[in-house]
Amino acid sequence: MFATSVNVLDTPKRQRESSACRLARRQSGCRILVGRFLLLMKSKHTKFIALLLVTVIVGTFIWWLRNRPSPSLSFVEFRTDQHGQLVAVFRASNTSDQPFSYLGYSASMPWYYYRLPTASGWRQESGFDCGTGIGYFEFPPHSALDFNVWPPHAAPKFAVGVSFERATPAEIHSRSRSLFAELNHFIWGLLTTPQRTWSEPVTIKRPEAPNHAQQ
């Protein structure tokens, strides 16, 4: 019998060649897949489907941002304050599981806006003239806040709006101190999306002036 000689030095070489072949086949397969994908994307029908899919995804995301639970505003009553002035009491309610923040002079005095009727529709204006001393205050989950609103003088009815941001004051301040504050503010603005919540219109019921005429 003749002994078969095996060159053990050829084994690593063959293994390297086999690995190189597998890598080459894998790269060739990837190029074929990419080529087929690019060829497919040249089709107008495929481009239309891709554009439609992106539009649906973006629209769904925007709808989700706009329809997440947010605080509500409701009218409570008219009353007279300690100075004898007529005020309207409104109640903000946060029934969600997330904290919100709002700008205000104090926790019980948020910065509010009016919505006033005009001949061409509703007009918005701020309820305050000076922003000195305002800051962010937290509106915890499952809580309510009553605050006074001074009714506008030249309108028979009005609605009240307050802007709520989906974050705590600490989170808002930390974003403003970031090295990428502008980019950070833009990204978080898309996610938190400060929204102005409005009450239903309220008709002003001013007290009648006393009648001093003699009977």
Protein backbone atom coordinates (compact mmCIF):
# COMPACT_ATOMS: atom_id res chain seq x y z
CA MET A 1 0.00 0.00 0.00
CA PHE A 2 1.13 3.46 -0.70
CA ALA A 3 0.88 6.14 1.99
CA THR A 4 -0.98 9.24 0.99
CA SER A 5 0.98 12.34 1.78
CA VAL A 6 -0.89 15.37 3.00
CA ASN A 7 0.66 18.80 3.01
CA VAL A 8 -0.52 20.27 6.26
CA LEU A 9 0.80 23.66 5.21
CA ASP A 10 -1.86 23.83 2.50
CA THR A 11 -4.77 23.62 4.99
CA PRO A 12 -4.66 27.24 6.30
CA LYS A 13 -4.26 28.44 2.71
CA ARG A 14 -7.37 26.54 1.62
CA GLN A 15 -9.29 27.91 4.61
CA ARG A 16 -8.32 31.45 3.69
CA GLU A 17 -9.35 30.88 0.09
CA SER A 18 -12.69 29.42 1.24
CA SER A 19 -13.34 32.42 3.53
CA ALA A 20 -12.44 34.80 0.72
CA CYS A 21 -14.85 33.02 -1.60
CA ARG A 22 -17.68 33.21 0.92
CA LEU A 23 -17.01 36.92 1.47
CA ALA A 24 -16.95 37.55 -2.26
CA ARG A 25 -20.24 35.70 -2.76
CA ARG A 26 -21.79 37.65 0.11
CA GLN A 27 -20.65 40.98 -1.32
CA SER A 28 -21.87 39.96 -4.76
CA GLY A 29 -25.25 39.05 -3.29
CA CYS A 30 -25.50 42.43 -1.52
CA ARG A 31 -24.66 44.26 -4.74
CA ILE A 32 -27.34 42.31 -6.57
CA LEU A 33 -29.93 43.16 -3.89
CA VAL A 34 -28.99 46.85 -3.92
CA GLY A 35 -29.14 46.90 -7.70
CA ARG A 36 -32.57 45.30 -7.72
CA PHE A 37 -33.78 47.78 -5.08
CA LEU A 38 -32.51 50.78 -7.06
CA LEU A 39 -34.07 49.36 -10.21
CA LEU A 40 -37.35 48.89 -8.35
CA MET A 41 -37.25 52.45 -7.01
CA LYS A 42 -37.03 53.79 -10.56
CA SER A 43 -40.59 52.63 -11.08
CA LYS A 44 -43.16 55.43 -10.76
CA HIS A 45 -45.57 53.04 -9.11
CA THR A 46 -43.03 52.16 -6.41
CA LYS A 47 -42.17 55.82 -5.83
CA PHE A 48 -45.85 56.63 -5.37
CA ILE A 49 -46.29 53.81 -2.83
CA ALA A 50 -43.17 54.91 -0.90
CA LEU A 51 -44.34 58.54 -0.85
CA LEU A 52 -47.81 57.47 0.28
CA LEU A 53 -46.32 55.33 3.06
CA VAL A 54 -44.13 58.20 4.32
CA THR A 55 -47.13 60.57 4.22
CA VAL A 56 -49.25 58.15 6.26
CA ILE A 57 -46.48 57.67 8.85
CA VAL A 58 -45.85 61.42 9.24
CA GLY A 59 -49.58 62.18 9.37
CA THR A 60 -50.15 59.51 12.00
CA PHE A 61 -47.30 60.89 14.10
CA ILE A 62 -48.64 64.46 13.90
CA TRP A 63 -52.15 63.25 14.76
CA TRP A 64 -50.74 61.41 17.78
CA LEU A 65 -48.89 64.53 18.94
CA ARG A 66 -52.00 66.68 18.62
CA ASN A 67 -54.43 64.24 20.24
CA ARG A 68 -52.53 63.18 23.34
CA PRO A 69 -54.35 63.91 26.62
CA SER A 70 -53.86 67.52 27.71
CA PRO A 71 -55.31 69.77 30.43
CA SER A 72 -58.80 71.23 30.04
CA LEU A 73 -60.30 74.58 31.06
CA SER A 74 -63.83 75.14 32.32
CA PHE A 75 -65.76 78.09 33.73
CA VAL A 76 -66.81 77.83 37.39
CA GLU A 77 -68.59 81.05 38.38
CA PHE A 78 -68.55 84.82 38.59
CA ARG A 79 -67.70 86.32 41.95
CA THR A 80 -66.56 89.60 43.51
CA ASP A 81 -62.98 89.79 44.77
CA GLN A 82 -61.72 91.58 47.91
CA HIS A 83 -61.54 94.86 45.98
CA GLY A 84 -65.17 94.66 44.87
CA GLN A 85 -64.27 93.83 41.26
CA LEU A 86 -66.05 91.22 39.19
CA VAL A 87 -63.86 88.19 38.40
CA ALA A 88 -64.53 84.97 36.56
CA VAL A 89 -63.28 81.78 38.17
CA PHE A 90 -61.90 79.14 35.80
CA ARG A 91 -60.67 75.64 36.59
CA ALA A 92 -57.77 73.89 34.86
CA SER A 93 -57.81 70.09 35.15
CA ASN A 94 -55.00 67.68 34.36
CA THR A 95 -56.54 64.21 34.22
CA SER A 96 -53.56 62.65 32.43
CA ASP A 97 -50.68 60.66 33.92
CA GLN A 98 -48.08 63.24 32.82
CA PRO A 99 -46.97 66.53 34.41
CA PHE A 100 -47.36 69.79 32.50
CA SER A 101 -45.94 73.29 32.98
CA TYR A 102 -47.38 76.74 32.42
CA LEU A 103 -46.11 80.31 32.58
CA GLY A 104 -47.50 82.57 35.29
CA TYR A 105 -46.85 85.11 38.01
CA SER A 106 -47.56 82.45 40.65
CA ALA A 107 -48.91 78.93 40.85
CA SER A 108 -52.44 80.33 41.20
CA MET A 109 -52.09 83.02 38.51
CA PRO A 110 -51.24 81.52 35.10
CA TRP A 111 -50.61 83.68 32.07
CA TYR A 112 -53.91 83.55 30.18
CA TYR A 113 -55.28 84.80 26.90
CA TYR A 114 -58.64 86.10 25.76
CA ARG A 115 -60.62 84.99 22.75
CA LEU A 116 -62.99 87.82 21.87
CA PRO A 117 -65.81 87.90 19.29
CA THR A 118 -65.52 90.32 16.35
CA ALA A 119 -67.44 90.86 13.14
CA SER A 120 -64.92 88.69 11.25
CA GLY A 121 -64.57 85.94 13.87
CA TRP A 122 -62.70 85.39 17.12
CA ARG A 123 -59.70 87.53 17.99
CA GLN A 124 -56.97 86.53 20.49
CA GLU A 125 -55.17 88.84 22.84
CA SER A 126 -53.10 88.51 25.98
CA GLY A 127 -54.70 89.01 29.39
CA PHE A 128 -51.57 90.77 30.72
CA ASP A 129 -49.38 93.62 29.51
CA CYS A 130 -46.14 92.95 31.41
CA GLY A 131 -44.12 89.73 31.51
CA THR A 132 -41.79 90.77 34.32
CA GLY A 133 -41.65 88.22 37.12
CA ILE A 134 -43.25 85.31 35.29
CA GLY A 135 -41.90 81.78 35.46
CA TYR A 136 -42.78 78.16 34.87
CA PHE A 137 -44.97 76.29 37.36
CA GLU A 138 -45.70 72.59 37.43
CA PHE A 139 -49.17 71.20 36.87
CA PRO A 140 -49.02 67.67 38.41
CA PRO A 141 -50.95 64.70 37.05
CA HIS A 142 -54.53 64.20 38.28
CA SER A 143 -54.80 67.68 39.79
CA ALA A 144 -56.91 70.82 39.36
CA LEU A 145 -56.26 74.55 39.65
CA ASP A 146 -58.79 77.36 40.17
CA PHE A 147 -57.71 80.86 39.12
CA ASN A 148 -59.32 84.26 38.68
CA VAL A 149 -59.73 86.03 35.35
CA TRP A 150 -60.68 89.69 34.99
CA PRO A 151 -63.35 89.86 32.26
CA PRO A 152 -62.57 92.18 29.33
CA HIS A 153 -64.44 95.48 29.46
CA ALA A 154 -65.61 95.84 25.87
CA ALA A 155 -66.89 92.36 25.08
CA PRO A 156 -70.23 90.69 25.88
CA LYS A 157 -68.59 87.26 26.08
CA PHE A 158 -65.13 85.74 25.98
CA ALA A 159 -63.15 82.51 26.21
CA VAL A 160 -59.94 81.95 28.18
CA GLY A 161 -56.84 80.08 27.03
CA VAL A 162 -53.69 78.88 28.81
CA SER A 163 -50.60 77.35 27.17
CA PHE A 164 -49.47 74.06 28.71
CA GLU A 165 -46.16 72.34 27.94
CA ARG A 166 -45.73 68.60 28.36
CA ALA A 167 -42.71 68.77 30.72
CA THR A 168 -41.73 69.82 34.24
CA PRO A 169 -40.12 73.23 34.86
CA ALA A 170 -36.81 71.47 35.64
CA GLU A 171 -36.89 69.70 32.27
CA ILE A 172 -37.63 72.97 30.47
CA HIS A 173 -34.74 74.78 32.20
CA SER A 174 -32.31 71.90 31.59
CA ARG A 175 -33.09 72.02 27.87
CA SER A 176 -32.48 75.76 27.76
CA ARG A 177 -29.01 75.30 29.31
CA SER A 178 -27.96 72.62 26.82
CA LEU A 179 -24.97 73.22 24.52
CA PHE A 180 -27.30 72.45 21.64
CA ALA A 181 -30.12 74.54 23.07
CA GLU A 182 -31.63 75.58 19.72
CA LEU A 183 -31.61 72.07 18.24
CA ASN A 184 -32.74 70.63 21.56
CA HIS A 185 -35.59 73.13 21.78
CA PHE A 186 -36.70 72.30 18.23
CA ILE A 187 -36.67 68.52 18.80
CA TRP A 188 -38.39 68.71 22.17
CA GLY A 189 -40.81 71.25 20.76
CA LEU A 190 -42.00 68.60 18.31
CA LEU A 191 -42.42 66.09 21.11
CA THR A 192 -43.87 68.30 23.83
CA THR A 193 -45.75 70.65 21.51
CA PRO A 194 -46.97 73.44 23.79
CA GLN A 195 -50.70 73.75 23.24
CA ARG A 196 -53.06 76.54 24.18
CA THR A 197 -56.12 75.06 25.81
CA TRP A 198 -59.33 77.08 25.51
CA SER A 199 -62.48 77.18 27.56
CA GLU A 200 -65.96 77.44 26.13
CA PRO A 201 -67.17 81.03 25.56
CA VAL A 202 -68.68 82.66 28.66
CA THR A 203 -71.28 85.45 28.63
CA ILE A 204 -70.38 88.23 31.03
CA LYS A 205 -73.01 88.92 33.71
CA ARG A 206 -72.15 92.26 35.21
CA PRO A 207 -73.99 93.38 38.37
CA GLU A 208 -76.68 95.93 37.76
CA ALA A 209 -76.03 99.46 39.03
CA PRO A 210 -78.19 100.35 42.03
CA ASN A 211 -81.23 102.47 41.27
CA HIS A 212 -81.19 105.60 43.43
CA ALA A 213 -84.23 107.19 41.81
CA GLN A 214 -86.88 108.20 44.29
CA GLN A 215 -90.18 106.40 44.08
